[in-house]
C-alpha cells in the first residue's frame, strides 16, 4: 500500500484522499487506487459520496 500511495503522489502531486470507506476491504481500496492511476484521475473517496453524505461527513455525522 505504501508504494501505491507513493505512485499516486508522484503522478498527481498529492496522496489519495482516503476517508475510510474501504478500511474493511483493503483489496477493494487497492483496486480503486490502481484504477484511479490508470484512468489518470486522482483518487478521492469524498467525491464518491452524495451531496447529502458529504454534508453529514463534514458535520461529523458520517463515520466509517
Protein backbone atom coordinates (compact mmCIF):
# COMPACT_ATOMS: atom_id res chain seq x y z
CA UNK A 1 0.00 0.00 0.00
CA UNK A 2 2.85 2.35 0.81
CA UNK A 3 4.28 2.01 -2.71
CA UNK A 4 0.87 2.53 -4.25
CA UNK A 5 0.34 5.75 -2.30
CA UNK A 6 3.81 6.88 -3.36
CA UNK A 7 2.99 6.15 -7.01
CA UNK A 8 -0.26 8.12 -6.71
CA UNK A 9 1.58 11.03 -5.11
CA UNK A 10 4.25 11.05 -7.82
CA UNK A 11 1.61 11.07 -10.57
CA UNK A 12 -0.81 13.62 -9.06
CA UNK A 13 1.40 15.54 -6.60
CA UNK A 14 -0.90 14.53 -3.75
CA UNK A 15 -1.79 11.44 -1.78
CA UNK A 16 -5.10 9.70 -2.43
CA UNK A 17 -7.91 11.07 -0.29
CA UNK A 18 -8.84 8.04 1.81
CA UNK A 19 -11.62 8.75 4.29
CA UNK A 20 -12.14 5.15 5.36
CA UNK A 21 -14.89 3.85 3.08
CA UNK A 22 -12.94 0.68 2.30
CA UNK A 23 -10.96 0.01 5.51
CA UNK A 24 -12.81 -3.28 5.88
CA UNK A 25 -11.94 -4.24 2.29
CA UNK A 26 -8.28 -3.35 1.63
CA UNK A 27 -8.23 -5.27 -1.66
CA UNK A 28 -11.02 -3.03 -2.99
CA UNK A 29 -9.14 0.06 -1.83
CA UNK A 30 -6.01 -1.09 -3.68
CA UNK A 31 -8.04 -1.83 -6.82
CA UNK A 32 -9.71 1.59 -6.62
CA UNK A 33 -6.40 3.44 -6.32
CA UNK A 34 -4.87 1.43 -9.17
CA UNK A 35 -7.89 2.23 -11.34
CA UNK A 36 -7.60 5.94 -10.50
CA UNK A 37 -3.94 5.94 -11.53
CA UNK A 38 -4.76 4.05 -14.74
CA UNK A 39 -7.66 6.40 -15.53
CA UNK A 40 -5.46 9.43 -14.79
CA UNK A 41 -7.83 10.75 -12.12
CA UNK A 42 -6.73 11.36 -8.52
CA UNK A 43 -8.38 9.02 -6.02
CA UNK A 44 -10.82 10.80 -3.73
CA UNK A 45 -13.32 8.82 -1.65
CA UNK A 46 -15.05 12.05 -0.62
CA UNK A 47 -16.15 12.52 -4.24
CA UNK A 48 -17.85 9.09 -4.10
CA UNK A 49 -20.30 10.42 -1.51
CA UNK A 50 -23.61 12.01 -2.42
CA UNK A 51 -24.07 15.68 -1.53
CA UNK A 52 -26.14 14.63 1.49
CA UNK A 53 -23.43 12.19 2.62
CA UNK A 54 -20.75 14.87 2.13
CA UNK A 55 -22.72 17.23 4.37
CA UNK A 56 -23.15 14.52 7.01
CA UNK A 57 -19.42 13.70 6.77
CA UNK A 58 -18.49 17.39 7.08
CA UNK A 59 -20.75 17.68 10.12
CA UNK A 60 -19.14 14.64 11.73
CA UNK A 61 -22.28 12.54 11.42
CA UNK A 62 -20.99 10.05 8.85
CA UNK A 63 -18.18 7.83 10.05
CA UNK A 64 -16.59 4.74 8.57
